Amino acid sequence: MPPWDEIARGIGGAIASPFAIEATESVGGGCINRCYVVRGRGRAYFVKLNEPARLPMFEAEAAGLAEIARSATVRVPTPTCSGANQEASWLAVEYIELHPARSRSHWELGRQLSRMHKATNERFGWHRDNTIGATPQVNTPHADWISFWRENRLGFQLELAARNGHRGLLQQRGERLLEELSGFFVGYTPTPSLLHGDLWGGNAAFDTEGAPVVFDPAVYYGDREADIAMTELFGGFGSAFYSAYRDEFPLDAGYARRRDLYNLYHVLNHLNLFGGGYGAQALRMIDQLLDHA
């Protein structure tokens, strides 16, 4: 049984007003958490539940939502409260009713994301680690983007893959790719931009007015191309999105060479989470990248 009384007290404390849960509805929320919409006293919240040890994951997610909100660019659900007891951990955020895109919704998402990417930091990474899916994501700050991507992204995932039994050619060619990373950045020096970090089609939608909303972030500061690359990995972002983004914030001419370098991180993460054919896909991507290094 979810700890509804404690969650209600947490929401009440956050909004400085008594709150009682009058109705709960189980909803889809991916393969990691149990998700609900809870309603009471004319308010509604989206609540995620997981095991107690997952509280830091929820706290980092709330901090990521707040980081995006501070950029005053694209809408995110406002984090309300998080907590844990012996049975569960939880995160409650603003509930936003989602609707199909309107005629200019994808265009507006591209425009707003480009403006979010103009929010920058002095170093790559973030002040705290978080997760990408259920996998730890290391955000130790670096002054150099190539070393950040080598150590905190591809290198981390390859080491995790080795621990999960994915060795052989994947590791051999992966190590070679790590040695060749600088070749993908000749004449290009990324800026530490605010990134959503997990921007696939399932983490972006539109509210009742057709305005963009993004959620479930894996925030850090990095090359903005990494966010754009992931939008292409699984699809779901229309041509108007890319047109609006490029009009507002043109991409470097070498983006196409680096796209798979960035998406390799997510394919390796899927390998570590789900296994299956992601190993063969990762190896194909590495070989193609090495051919163009």
C-alpha atoms as a PDB file:
ATOM      1  CA  MET A   1       0.000   0.000   0.000  1.00  0.00           C
ATOM      2  CA  PRO A   2       1.537   3.368  -0.973  1.00  0.00           C
ATOM      3  CA  PRO A   3       2.196   5.723   1.970  1.00  0.00           C
ATOM      4  CA  TRP A   4      -0.559   8.137   0.973  1.00  0.00           C
ATOM      5  CA  ASP A   5      -0.873   9.774   4.388  1.00  0.00           C
ATOM      6  CA  GLU A   6       2.797  10.705   4.471  1.00  0.00           C
ATOM      7  CA  ILE A   7       2.694  11.907   0.876  1.00  0.00           C
ATOM      8  CA  ALA A   8      -0.354  14.055   1.657  1.00  0.00           C
ATOM      9  CA  ARG A   9       1.443  15.587   4.643  1.00  0.00           C
ATOM     10  CA  GLY A  10       4.465  16.303   2.472  1.00  0.00           C
ATOM     11  CA  ILE A  11       2.331  18.013  -0.164  1.00  0.00           C
ATOM     12  CA  GLY A  12       0.514  19.998   2.502  1.00  0.00           C
ATOM     13  CA  GLY A  13       3.790  21.166   3.990  1.00  0.00           C
ATOM     14  CA  ALA A  14       5.138  22.166   0.590  1.00  0.00           C
ATOM     15  CA  ILE A  15       2.079  24.227  -0.324  1.00  0.00           C
ATOM     16  CA  ALA A  16       1.600  25.544   3.230  1.00  0.00           C
ATOM     17  CA  SER A  17      -2.013  24.405   3.202  1.00  0.00           C
ATOM     18  CA  PRO A  18      -3.745  21.263   4.492  1.00  0.00           C
ATOM     19  CA  PHE A  19      -4.035  18.612   1.810  1.00  0.00           C
ATOM     20  CA  ALA A  20      -5.892  15.319   1.840  1.00  0.00           C
ATOM     21  CA  ILE A  21      -5.821  12.730  -0.925  1.00  0.00           C
ATOM     22  CA  GLU A  22      -9.376  12.030  -1.986  1.00  0.00           C
ATOM     23  CA  ALA A  23      -8.699   9.945  -5.123  1.00  0.00           C
ATOM     24  CA  THR A  24      -5.781   8.088  -6.683  1.00  0.00           C
ATOM     25  CA  GLU A  25      -5.401   6.855 -10.244  1.00  0.00           C
ATOM     26  CA  SER A  26      -2.632   4.541 -11.409  1.00  0.00           C
ATOM     27  CA  VAL A  27      -1.099   5.803 -14.661  1.00  0.00           C
ATOM     28  CA  GLY A  28       1.709   4.777 -16.978  1.00  0.00           C
ATOM     29  CA  GLY A  29       5.102   6.148 -16.108  1.00  0.00           C
ATOM     30  CA  GLY A  30       7.723   4.011 -17.767  1.00  0.00           C
ATOM     31  CA  CYS A  31       9.369   0.836 -16.503  1.00  0.00           C
ATOM     32  CA  ILE A  32      11.174   2.299 -13.484  1.00  0.00           C
ATOM     33  CA  ASN A  33       8.537   3.746 -11.163  1.00  0.00           C
ATOM     34  CA  ARG A  34       4.947   3.209 -10.122  1.00  0.00           C
ATOM     35  CA  CYS A  35       3.049   6.356 -11.035  1.00  0.00           C
ATOM     36  CA  TYR A  36      -0.216   7.898  -9.892  1.00  0.00           C
ATOM     37  CA  VAL A  37      -2.307  11.007 -10.208  1.00  0.00           C
ATOM     38  CA  VAL A  38      -3.613  12.016  -6.796  1.00  0.00           C
ATOM     39  CA  ARG A  39      -6.416  14.519  -6.276  1.00  0.00           C
ATOM     40  CA  GLY A  40      -7.805  16.376  -3.312  1.00  0.00           C
ATOM     41  CA  ARG A  41      -9.229  19.755  -2.335  1.00  0.00           C
ATOM     42  CA  GLY A  42      -9.344  20.902  -5.945  1.00  0.00           C
ATOM     43  CA  ARG A  43      -5.669  20.110  -6.604  1.00  0.00           C
ATOM     44  CA  ALA A  44      -3.912  17.341  -8.490  1.00  0.00           C
ATOM     45  CA  TYR A  45      -0.336  16.001  -8.356  1.00  0.00           C
ATOM     46  CA  PHE A  46       1.665  13.429 -10.245  1.00  0.00           C
ATOM     47  CA  VAL A  47       3.353  11.020  -7.828  1.00  0.00           C
ATOM     48  CA  LYS A  48       6.154   8.550  -8.530  1.00  0.00           C
ATOM     49  CA  LEU A  49       6.928   5.679  -6.155  1.00  0.00           C
ATOM     50  CA  ASN A  50       9.935   3.401  -5.878  1.00  0.00           C
ATOM     51  CA  GLU A  51      11.870   1.491  -3.239  1.00  0.00           C
ATOM     52  CA  PRO A  52      13.205   3.515  -0.269  1.00  0.00           C
ATOM     53  CA  ALA A  53      16.810   3.517  -1.520  1.00  0.00           C
ATOM     54  CA  ARG A  54      15.701   5.430  -4.633  1.00  0.00           C
ATOM     55  CA  LEU A  55      15.058   8.673  -2.752  1.00  0.00           C
ATOM     56  CA  PRO A  56      18.308  10.299  -4.032  1.00  0.00           C
ATOM     57  CA  MET A  57      17.116   9.612  -7.597  1.00  0.00           C
ATOM     58  CA  PHE A  58      13.905  11.505  -6.896  1.00  0.00           C
ATOM     59  CA  GLU A  59      15.714  14.342  -5.131  1.00  0.00           C
ATOM     60  CA  ALA A  60      18.037  14.751  -8.114  1.00  0.00           C
ATOM     61  CA  GLU A  61      15.075  14.713 -10.508  1.00  0.00           C
ATOM     62  CA  ALA A  62      13.376  17.464  -8.506  1.00  0.00           C
ATOM     63  CA  ALA A  63      16.577  19.514  -8.579  1.00  0.00           C
ATOM     64  CA  GLY A  64      16.797  19.025 -12.351  1.00  0.00           C
ATOM     65  CA  LEU A  65      13.235  20.211 -12.860  1.00  0.00           C
ATOM     66  CA  ALA A  66      14.005  23.270 -10.747  1.00  0.00           C
ATOM     67  CA  GLU A  67      17.164  23.944 -12.794  1.00  0.00           C
ATOM     68  CA  ILE A  68      15.174  23.951 -16.024  1.00  0.00           C
ATOM     69  CA  ALA A  69      12.434  26.076 -14.462  1.00  0.00           C
ATOM     70  CA  ARG A  70      15.002  28.707 -13.485  1.00  0.00           C
ATOM     71  CA  SER A  71      15.943  29.113 -17.142  1.00  0.00           C
ATOM     72  CA  ALA A  72      12.391  30.450 -17.784  1.00  0.00           C
ATOM     73  CA  THR A  73      12.271  28.782 -21.194  1.00  0.00           C
ATOM     74  CA  VAL A  74      10.319  25.530 -21.557  1.00  0.00           C
ATOM     75  CA  ARG A  75       7.683  24.490 -19.021  1.00  0.00           C
ATOM     76  CA  VAL A  76       8.341  21.639 -16.588  1.00  0.00           C
ATOM     77  CA  PRO A  77       6.136  20.214 -13.829  1.00  0.00           C
ATOM     78  CA  THR A  78       6.907  22.115 -10.649  1.00  0.00           C
ATOM     79  CA  PRO A  79       8.431  19.755  -8.063  1.00  0.00           C
ATOM     80  CA  THR A  80       6.342  19.698  -4.891  1.00  0.00           C
ATOM     81  CA  CYS A  81       7.908  17.298  -2.390  1.00  0.00           C
ATOM     82  CA  SER A  82       9.889  14.089  -2.045  1.00  0.00           C
ATOM     83  CA  GLY A  83      10.400  11.697   0.819  1.00  0.00           C
ATOM     84  CA  ALA A  84      10.783   8.118   1.964  1.00  0.00           C
ATOM     85  CA  ASN A  85       9.819   5.696   4.690  1.00  0.00           C
ATOM     86  CA  GLN A  86      10.599   2.021   5.244  1.00  0.00           C
ATOM     87  CA  GLU A  87       8.263   0.931   2.433  1.00  0.00           C
ATOM     88  CA  ALA A  88       8.830   3.408  -0.383  1.00  0.00           C
ATOM     89  CA  SER A  89      10.343   6.627  -1.673  1.00  0.00           C
ATOM     90  CA  TRP A  90       8.313   9.176  -3.613  1.00  0.00           C
ATOM     91  CA  LEU A  91       8.341  12.342  -5.661  1.00  0.00           C
ATOM     92  CA  ALA A  92       5.268  14.542  -6.100  1.00  0.00           C
ATOM     93  CA  VAL A  93       5.176  17.156  -8.852  1.00  0.00           C
ATOM     94  CA  GLU A  94       2.577  19.423 -10.400  1.00  0.00           C
ATOM     95  CA  TYR A  95       0.080  17.471 -12.483  1.00  0.00           C
ATOM     96  CA  ILE A  96      -0.189  18.877 -16.008  1.00  0.00           C
ATOM     97  CA  GLU A  97      -2.970  17.611 -18.224  1.00  0.00           C
ATOM     98  CA  LEU A  98      -1.426  16.688 -21.561  1.00  0.00           C
ATOM     99  CA  HIS A  99      -3.094  17.014 -24.951  1.00  0.00           C
ATOM    100  CA  PRO A 100      -2.132  16.400 -28.595  1.00  0.00           C
ATOM    101  CA  ALA A 101       0.095  18.940 -30.309  1.00  0.00           C
ATOM    102  CA  ARG A 102      -1.453  21.918 -32.031  1.00  0.00           C
ATOM    103  CA  SER A 103      -0.311  23.434 -35.309  1.00  0.00           C
ATOM    104  CA  ARG A 104       2.612  25.383 -33.821  1.00  0.00           C
ATOM    105  CA  SER A 105       3.392  23.170 -30.819  1.00  0.00           C
ATOM    106  CA  HIS A 106       6.471  21.446 -32.257  1.00  0.00           C
ATOM    107  CA  TRP A 107       7.772  24.737 -33.616  1.00  0.00           C
ATOM    108  CA  GLU A 108       7.420  26.298 -30.169  1.00  0.00           C
ATOM    109  CA  LEU A 109       9.192  23.357 -28.537  1.00  0.00           C
ATOM    110  CA  GLY A 110      12.163  23.843 -30.850  1.00  0.00           C
ATOM    111  CA  ARG A 111      12.270  27.559 -30.145  1.00  0.00           C
ATOM    112  CA  GLN A 112      12.030  27.111 -26.380  1.00  0.00           C
ATOM    113  CA  LEU A 113      14.629  24.343 -26.278  1.00  0.00           C
ATOM    114  CA  SER A 114      17.077  26.526 -28.203  1.00  0.00           C
ATOM    115  CA  ARG A 115      16.622  29.229 -25.568  1.00  0.00           C
ATOM    116  CA  MET A 116      17.093  26.721 -22.759  1.00  0.00           C
ATOM    117  CA  HIS A 117      20.391  25.716 -24.356  1.00  0.00           C
ATOM    118  CA  LYS A 118      21.521  29.338 -24.152  1.00  0.00           C
ATOM    119  CA  ALA A 119      21.548  28.999 -20.362  1.00  0.00           C
ATOM    120  CA  THR A 120      25.183  28.170 -19.669  1.00  0.00           C
ATOM    121  CA  ASN A 121      27.592  27.295 -16.898  1.00  0.00           C
ATOM    122  CA  GLU A 122      31.330  27.671 -16.359  1.00  0.00           C
ATOM    123  CA  ARG A 123      32.028  23.927 -16.396  1.00  0.00           C
ATOM    124  CA  PHE A 124      30.603  20.781 -17.945  1.00  0.00           C
ATOM    125  CA  GLY A 125      28.614  18.533 -15.631  1.00  0.00           C
ATOM    126  CA  TRP A 126      26.511  19.546 -12.646  1.00  0.00           C
ATOM    127  CA  HIS A 127      26.752  20.052  -8.906  1.00  0.00           C
ATOM    128  CA  ARG A 128      25.256  16.600  -8.237  1.00  0.00           C
ATOM    129  CA  ASP A 129      24.975  13.192  -9.860  1.00  0.00           C
ATOM    130  CA  ASN A 130      21.606  11.914 -11.043  1.00  0.00           C
ATOM    131  CA  THR A 131      20.304   9.005 -13.119  1.00  0.00           C
ATOM    132  CA  ILE A 132      19.697   8.201 -16.764  1.00  0.00           C
ATOM    133  CA  GLY A 133      16.766   5.830 -16.556  1.00  0.00           C
ATOM    134  CA  ALA A 134      17.715   3.673 -13.573  1.00  0.00           C
ATOM    135  CA  THR A 135      21.463   3.982 -14.244  1.00  0.00           C
ATOM    136  CA  PRO A 136      23.662   6.327 -12.205  1.00  0.00           C
ATOM    137  CA  GLN A 137      24.790   9.339 -14.228  1.00  0.00           C
ATOM    138  CA  VAL A 138      28.064  10.865 -13.092  1.00  0.00           C
ATOM    139  CA  ASN A 139      28.171  14.661 -13.410  1.00  0.00           C
ATOM    140  CA  THR A 140      31.546  15.454 -11.828  1.00  0.00           C
ATOM    141  CA  PRO A 141      32.404  18.865 -13.305  1.00  0.00           C
ATOM    142  CA  HIS A 142      35.114  19.142 -15.970  1.00  0.00           C
ATOM    143  CA  ALA A 143      36.594  22.163 -17.683  1.00  0.00           C
ATOM    144  CA  ASP A 144      37.095  20.091 -20.843  1.00  0.00           C
ATOM    145  CA  TRP A 145      34.141  18.577 -22.718  1.00  0.00           C
ATOM    146  CA  ILE A 146      36.061  15.764 -24.404  1.00  0.00           C
ATOM    147  CA  SER A 147      37.374  14.448 -21.097  1.00  0.00           C
ATOM    148  CA  PHE A 148      33.913  14.777 -19.568  1.00  0.00           C
ATOM    149  CA  TRP A 149      32.338  12.741 -22.361  1.00  0.00           C
ATOM    150  CA  ARG A 150      35.154  10.178 -22.286  1.00  0.00           C
ATOM    151  CA  GLU A 151      35.144   9.617 -18.522  1.00  0.00           C
ATOM    152  CA  ASN A 152      31.631  10.415 -17.296  1.00  0.00           C
ATOM    153  CA  ARG A 153      29.607   9.188 -20.254  1.00  0.00           C
ATOM    154  CA  LEU A 154      31.036   6.652 -22.721  1.00  0.00           C
ATOM    155  CA  GLY A 155      33.774   5.347 -20.440  1.00  0.00           C
ATOM    156  CA  PHE A 156      31.373   4.910 -17.539  1.00  0.00           C
ATOM    157  CA  GLN A 157      28.863   3.000 -19.669  1.00  0.00           C
ATOM    158  CA  LEU A 158      31.551   0.773 -21.199  1.00  0.00           C
ATOM    159  CA  GLU A 159      32.872  -0.118 -17.744  1.00  0.00           C
ATOM    160  CA  LEU A 160      29.363  -0.915 -16.592  1.00  0.00           C
ATOM    161  CA  ALA A 161      28.828  -3.050 -19.708  1.00  0.00           C
ATOM    162  CA  ALA A 162      31.998  -4.999 -18.925  1.00  0.00           C
ATOM    163  CA  ARG A 163      30.760  -5.641 -15.376  1.00  0.00           C
ATOM    164  CA  ASN A 164      27.492  -6.837 -16.892  1.00  0.00           C
ATOM    165  CA  GLY A 165      29.355  -9.377 -19.038  1.00  0.00           C
ATOM    166  CA  HIS A 166      29.507  -7.431 -22.330  1.00  0.00           C
ATOM    167  CA  ARG A 167      33.184  -7.751 -23.165  1.00  0.00           C
ATOM    168  CA  GLY A 168      35.164  -8.749 -26.248  1.00  0.00           C
ATOM    169  CA  LEU A 169      34.905  -6.566 -29.346  1.00  0.00           C
ATOM    170  CA  LEU A 170      32.614  -4.058 -27.676  1.00  0.00           C
ATOM    171  CA  GLN A 171      35.286  -3.217 -25.124  1.00  0.00           C
ATOM    172  CA  GLN A 172      38.214  -3.384 -27.548  1.00  0.00           C
ATOM    173  CA  ARG A 173      36.648  -1.075 -30.102  1.00  0.00           C
ATOM    174  CA  GLY A 174      35.059   1.051 -27.436  1.00  0.00           C
ATOM    175  CA  GLU A 175      38.473   1.734 -25.905  1.00  0.00           C
ATOM    176  CA  ARG A 176      39.804   2.670 -29.314  1.00  0.00           C
ATOM    177  CA  LEU A 177      36.934   5.094 -29.797  1.00  0.00           C
ATOM    178  CA  LEU A 178      37.700   6.729 -26.457  1.00  0.00           C
ATOM    179  CA  GLU A 179      41.247   7.326 -27.694  1.00  0.00           C
ATOM    180  CA  GLU A 180      39.957   8.905 -30.914  1.00  0.00           C
ATOM    181  CA  LEU A 181      37.387  11.299 -29.425  1.00  0.00           C
ATOM    182  CA  SER A 182      39.351  14.482 -30.097  1.00  0.00           C
ATOM    183  CA  GLY A 183      39.081  13.859 -33.837  1.00  0.00           C
ATOM    184  CA  PHE A 184      35.342  14.574 -33.700  1.00  0.00           C
ATOM    185  CA  PHE A 185      35.904  18.068 -32.301  1.00  0.00           C
ATOM    186  CA  VAL A 186      38.424  19.602 -34.674  1.00  0.00           C
ATOM    187  CA  GLY A 187      37.415  23.232 -35.110  1.00  0.00           C
ATOM    188  CA  TYR A 188      34.497  22.897 -32.692  1.00  0.00           C
ATOM    189  CA  THR A 189      34.509  23.923 -29.025  1.00  0.00           C
ATOM    190  CA  PRO A 190      31.211  23.228 -27.213  1.00  0.00           C
ATOM    191  CA  THR A 191      29.789  25.517 -24.555  1.00  0.00           C
ATOM    192  CA  PRO A 192      28.380  24.077 -21.292  1.00  0.00           C
ATOM    193  CA  SER A 193      24.663  24.453 -22.086  1.00  0.00           C
ATOM    194  CA  LEU A 194      21.792  23.448 -19.838  1.00  0.00           C
ATOM    195  CA  LEU A 195      20.596  20.063 -21.120  1.00  0.00           C
ATOM    196  CA  HIS A 196      17.480  18.051 -20.453  1.00  0.00           C
ATOM    197  CA  GLY A 197      19.725  15.007 -20.768  1.00  0.00           C
ATOM    198  CA  ASP A 198      17.087  12.391 -21.663  1.00  0.00           C
ATOM    199  CA  LEU A 199      15.148  14.127 -24.421  1.00  0.00           C
ATOM    200  CA  TRP A 200      13.323  11.392 -26.286  1.00  0.00           C
ATOM    201  CA  GLY A 201       9.740  11.725 -27.501  1.00  0.00           C
ATOM    202  CA  GLY A 202       8.257  10.180 -24.357  1.00  0.00           C
ATOM    203  CA  ASN A 203       9.663  12.996 -22.203  1.00  0.00           C
ATOM    204  CA  ALA A 204       8.131  15.896 -24.125  1.00  0.00           C
ATOM    205  CA  ALA A 205       4.454  16.726 -24.592  1.00  0.00           C
ATOM    206  CA  PHE A 206       1.993  19.613 -24.719  1.00  0.00           C
ATOM    207  CA  ASP A 207      -0.499  21.097 -22.290  1.00  0.00           C
ATOM    208  CA  THR A 208      -4.149  21.968 -22.890  1.00  0.00           C
ATOM    209  CA  GLU A 209      -3.116  25.123 -24.769  1.00  0.00           C
ATOM    210  CA  GLY A 210      -0.623  23.256 -26.951  1.00  0.00           C
ATOM    211  CA  ALA A 211       2.357  24.724 -25.093  1.00  0.00           C
ATOM    212  CA  PRO A 212       5.425  22.464 -24.719  1.00  0.00           C
ATOM    213  CA  VAL A 213       6.182  20.600 -21.501  1.00  0.00           C
ATOM    214  CA  VAL A 214       9.282  18.504 -20.798  1.00  0.00           C
ATOM    215  CA  PHE A 215       9.729  16.151 -17.851  1.00  0.00           C
ATOM    216  CA  ASP A 216      11.783  13.228 -16.461  1.00  0.00           C
ATOM    217  CA  PRO A 217      15.080  15.073 -17.004  1.00  0.00           C
ATOM    218  CA  ALA A 218      18.634  13.864 -16.482  1.00  0.00           C
ATOM    219  CA  VAL A 219      19.994  17.398 -16.218  1.00  0.00           C
ATOM    220  CA  TYR A 220      23.587  18.484 -16.656  1.00  0.00           C
ATOM    221  CA  TYR A 221      25.554  21.145 -18.551  1.00  0.00           C
ATOM    222  CA  GLY A 222      27.077  19.885 -21.778  1.00  0.00           C
ATOM    223  CA  ASP A 223      27.208  20.183 -25.541  1.00  0.00           C
ATOM    224  CA  ARG A 224      23.697  21.089 -26.724  1.00  0.00           C
ATOM    225  CA  GLU A 225      24.181  18.727 -29.654  1.00  0.00           C
ATOM    226  CA  ALA A 226      23.735  15.844 -27.202  1.00  0.00           C
ATOM    227  CA  ASP A 227      20.104  16.843 -26.574  1.00  0.00           C
ATOM    228  CA  ILE A 228      19.405  17.336 -30.280  1.00  0.00           C
ATOM    229  CA  ALA A 229      21.016  13.995 -31.118  1.00  0.00           C
ATOM    230  CA  MET A 230      18.744  12.129 -28.725  1.00  0.00           C
ATOM    231  CA  THR A 231      15.647  13.659 -30.309  1.00  0.00           C
ATOM    232  CA  GLU A 232      16.715  11.840 -33.478  1.00  0.00           C
ATOM    233  CA  LEU A 233      17.465   8.495 -31.821  1.00  0.00           C
ATOM    234  CA  PHE A 234      13.871   7.315 -31.394  1.00  0.00           C
ATOM    235  CA  GLY A 235      12.034   9.962 -33.440  1.00  0.00           C
ATOM    236  CA  GLY A 236       8.861  11.803 -32.501  1.00  0.00           C
ATOM    237  CA  PHE A 237      10.049  15.353 -33.164  1.00  0.00           C
ATOM    238  CA  GLY A 238       8.679  16.899 -36.337  1.00  0.00           C
ATOM    239  CA  SER A 239      10.428  18.992 -38.968  1.00  0.00           C
ATOM    240  CA  ALA A 240       8.979  22.182 -37.461  1.00  0.00           C
ATOM    241  CA  PHE A 241      10.862  21.440 -34.235  1.00  0.00           C
ATOM    242  CA  TYR A 242      14.231  21.267 -35.996  1.00  0.00           C
ATOM    243  CA  SER A 243      13.484  24.249 -38.217  1.00  0.00           C
ATOM    244  CA  ALA A 244      12.582  26.450 -35.261  1.00  0.00           C
ATOM    245  CA  TYR A 245      15.601  25.308 -33.281  1.00  0.00           C
ATOM    246  CA  ARG A 246      18.065  25.983 -36.095  1.00  0.00           C
ATOM    247  CA  ASP A 247      16.509  29.351 -36.893  1.00  0.00           C
ATOM    248  CA  GLU A 248      16.996  30.421 -33.291  1.00  0.00           C
ATOM    249  CA  PHE A 249      20.330  28.701 -32.589  1.00  0.00           C
ATOM    250  CA  PRO A 250      22.045  27.192 -35.676  1.00  0.00           C
ATOM    251  CA  LEU A 251      23.977  23.965 -35.188  1.00  0.00           C
ATOM    252  CA  ASP A 252      27.620  23.565 -36.105  1.00  0.00           C
ATOM    253  CA  ALA A 253      28.264  22.065 -39.537  1.00  0.00           C
ATOM    254  CA  GLY A 254      29.947  19.052 -37.913  1.00  0.00           C
ATOM    255  CA  TYR A 255      26.923  17.998 -35.890  1.00  0.00           C
ATOM    256  CA  ALA A 256      26.132  15.050 -38.182  1.00  0.00           C
ATOM    257  CA  ARG A 257      29.562  13.509 -37.407  1.00  0.00           C
ATOM    258  CA  ARG A 258      28.972  13.720 -33.663  1.00  0.00           C
ATOM    259  CA  ARG A 259      25.307  12.663 -33.552  1.00  0.00           C
ATOM    260  CA  ASP A 260      26.011   8.935 -33.167  1.00  0.00           C
ATOM    261  CA  LEU A 261      28.826   9.686 -30.720  1.00  0.00           C
ATOM    262  CA  TYR A 262      26.236  11.207 -28.426  1.00  0.00           C
ATOM    263  CA  ASN A 263      23.535   8.624 -29.061  1.00  0.00           C
ATOM    264  CA  LEU A 264      25.998   5.813 -28.354  1.00  0.00           C
ATOM    265  CA  TYR A 265      25.750   6.808 -24.697  1.00  0.00           C
ATOM    266  CA  HIS A 266      22.028   6.074 -24.664  1.00  0.00           C
ATOM    267  CA  VAL A 267      22.346   2.835 -26.643  1.00  0.00           C
ATOM    268  CA  LEU A 268      25.008   1.609 -24.200  1.00  0.00           C
ATOM    269  CA  ASN A 269      22.718   2.582 -21.347  1.00  0.00           C
ATOM    270  CA  HIS A 270      19.901   0.560 -22.922  1.00  0.00           C
ATOM    271  CA  LEU A 271      22.309  -2.353 -23.216  1.00  0.00           C
ATOM    272  CA  ASN A 272      23.104  -2.095 -19.515  1.00  0.00           C
ATOM    273  CA  LEU A 273      19.444  -1.777 -18.568  1.00  0.00           C
ATOM    274  CA  PHE A 274      17.818  -4.240 -20.970  1.00  0.00           C
ATOM    275  CA  GLY A 275      20.494  -6.302 -22.756  1.00  0.00           C
ATOM    276  CA  GLY A 276      19.169  -7.886 -25.924  1.00  0.00           C
ATOM    277  CA  GLY A 277      20.123  -6.490 -29.303  1.00  0.00           C
ATOM    278  CA  TYR A 278      21.494  -3.232 -27.955  1.00  0.00           C
ATOM    279  CA  GLY A 279      24.983  -4.741 -27.792  1.00  0.00           C
ATOM    280  CA  ALA A 280      25.056  -5.382 -31.536  1.00  0.00           C
ATOM    281  CA  GLN A 281      23.647  -1.909 -32.185  1.00  0.00           C
ATOM    282  CA  ALA A 282      26.304  -0.323 -29.983  1.00  0.00           C
ATOM    283  CA  LEU A 283      29.080  -2.225 -31.742  1.00  0.00           C
ATOM    284  CA  ARG A 284      27.778  -1.151 -35.161  1.00  0.00           C
ATOM    285  CA  MET A 285      27.706   2.459 -34.025  1.00  0.00           C
ATOM    286  CA  ILE A 286      31.248   2.249 -32.676  1.00  0.00           C
ATOM    287  CA  ASP A 287      32.540   0.746 -35.913  1.00  0.00           C
ATOM    288  CA  GLN A 288      30.835   3.446 -37.973  1.00  0.00           C
ATOM    289  CA  LEU A 289      32.266   6.141 -35.724  1.00  0.00           C
ATOM    290  CA  LEU A 290      35.759   4.676 -35.974  1.00  0.00           C
ATOM    291  CA  ASP A 291      35.452   4.709 -39.766  1.00  0.00           C
ATOM    292  CA  HIS A 292      34.954   8.471 -39.611  1.00  0.00           C
ATOM    293  CA  ALA A 293      37.242   9.354 -36.702  1.00  0.00           C
END
